[in-house]
């Protein structure tokens, strides 16, 4: 049972990594170019931060807005690691956007 839950989580993370890299490459890169910021050095970090932020945000919306209480989501939301990853990814994105307006 736990193996199935881990595989589902791994699949979701891989999907969000693809979305994060695509969003960072096409979306955030355009913002960086518009503001004249050289972001080649931290493009990977921003991609992963965006991916894990979206992963955590969608999980939070599914649990607290749509009230889905599956075993997988319940265990994920009660995990310290989940909230730590959400905090770090949010912090990385906020710092990146603060650097846009310097």
Protein backbone atom coordinates (compact mmCIF):
# COMPACT_ATOMS: atom_id res chain seq x y z
CA UNK A 1 0.00 0.00 0.00
CA UNK A 2 2.75 2.44 0.91
CA UNK A 3 4.68 1.63 -2.25
CA UNK A 4 1.65 2.61 -4.33
CA UNK A 5 1.37 5.94 -2.44
CA UNK A 6 5.06 6.65 -2.96
CA UNK A 7 4.79 5.90 -6.67
CA UNK A 8 1.79 8.21 -7.03
CA UNK A 9 3.69 10.97 -5.21
CA UNK A 10 6.78 10.41 -7.36
CA UNK A 11 4.68 10.60 -10.53
CA UNK A 12 3.03 13.84 -9.35
CA UNK A 13 6.43 15.35 -8.53
CA UNK A 14 7.78 14.43 -11.98
CA UNK A 15 4.76 16.05 -13.65
CA UNK A 16 5.25 19.21 -11.61
CA UNK A 17 8.99 19.27 -12.40
CA UNK A 18 8.10 19.25 -16.10
CA UNK A 19 5.59 22.04 -15.51
CA UNK A 20 8.11 23.97 -13.39
CA UNK A 21 10.88 23.77 -15.97
CA UNK A 22 8.49 24.78 -18.75
CA UNK A 23 7.05 27.63 -16.70
CA UNK A 24 10.48 28.88 -15.66
CA UNK A 25 11.88 28.61 -19.15
CA UNK A 26 9.04 30.37 -20.95
CA UNK A 27 7.37 32.45 -18.25
CA UNK A 28 9.97 33.59 -15.76
CA UNK A 29 12.66 33.92 -18.40
CA UNK A 30 10.52 36.47 -20.24
CA UNK A 31 10.06 38.46 -17.03
CA UNK A 32 13.80 38.36 -16.35
CA UNK A 33 14.60 39.54 -19.87
CA UNK A 34 12.02 42.33 -19.58
CA UNK A 35 13.62 43.62 -16.38
CA UNK A 36 17.15 43.00 -17.64
CA UNK A 37 18.13 40.41 -15.05
CA UNK A 38 20.73 37.79 -15.90
CA UNK A 39 19.16 34.62 -14.54
CA UNK A 40 21.17 31.89 -16.23
CA UNK A 41 22.95 31.03 -12.97
CA UNK A 42 19.82 30.34 -10.94
CA UNK A 43 17.49 29.05 -13.67
CA UNK A 44 17.63 25.50 -12.32
CA UNK A 45 16.94 26.62 -8.77
CA UNK A 46 13.97 28.72 -9.88
CA UNK A 47 12.64 25.83 -11.98
CA UNK A 48 12.73 23.45 -9.04
CA UNK A 49 11.32 26.09 -6.68
CA UNK A 50 8.43 26.71 -9.08
CA UNK A 51 7.83 22.97 -9.50
CA UNK A 52 7.73 22.24 -5.77
CA UNK A 53 5.73 25.37 -5.01
CA UNK A 54 3.09 24.27 -7.53
CA UNK A 55 3.14 20.71 -6.17
CA UNK A 56 2.59 21.92 -2.62
CA UNK A 57 0.05 24.58 -3.61
CA UNK A 58 -2.07 22.10 -5.57
CA UNK A 59 -1.95 19.68 -2.64
CA UNK A 60 -3.06 22.41 -0.24
CA UNK A 61 -5.91 23.43 -2.56
CA UNK A 62 -7.01 19.81 -2.93
CA UNK A 63 -7.06 19.26 0.84
CA UNK A 64 -8.36 22.56 2.20
CA UNK A 65 -10.51 23.93 -0.65
CA UNK A 66 -11.91 20.79 -2.28
CA UNK A 67 -11.91 18.85 1.03
CA UNK A 68 -10.31 15.73 -0.46
CA UNK A 69 -9.19 13.59 2.46
CA UNK A 70 -7.43 10.62 0.89
CA UNK A 71 -4.77 8.75 2.82
CA UNK A 72 -2.07 10.10 0.52
CA UNK A 73 -3.09 13.73 0.91
CA UNK A 74 -3.65 13.42 4.65
CA UNK A 75 -0.19 11.95 5.20
CA UNK A 76 1.38 14.51 2.88
CA UNK A 77 -0.17 17.54 4.59
CA UNK A 78 0.71 16.34 8.07
CA UNK A 79 4.35 15.85 7.11
CA UNK A 80 6.99 18.28 8.36
CA UNK A 81 8.96 17.78 5.13
CA UNK A 82 5.99 18.90 3.01
CA UNK A 83 5.67 22.20 4.86
CA UNK A 84 9.44 22.71 4.89
CA UNK A 85 9.63 22.22 1.10
CA UNK A 86 6.65 24.56 0.64
CA UNK A 87 8.33 27.23 2.78
CA UNK A 88 11.68 26.94 0.99
CA UNK A 89 10.17 26.99 -2.49
CA UNK A 90 8.02 29.99 -1.63
CA UNK A 91 11.02 31.77 -0.17
CA UNK A 92 13.12 31.08 -3.29
CA UNK A 93 10.40 32.45 -5.57
CA UNK A 94 9.82 35.53 -3.40
CA UNK A 95 13.55 36.32 -3.31
CA UNK A 96 13.67 35.94 -7.09
CA UNK A 97 10.76 38.37 -7.56
CA UNK A 98 12.28 40.82 -5.09
CA UNK A 99 15.41 40.82 -7.24
CA UNK A 100 13.23 41.79 -10.22
CA UNK A 101 12.30 45.08 -8.61
CA UNK A 102 15.72 46.14 -7.29
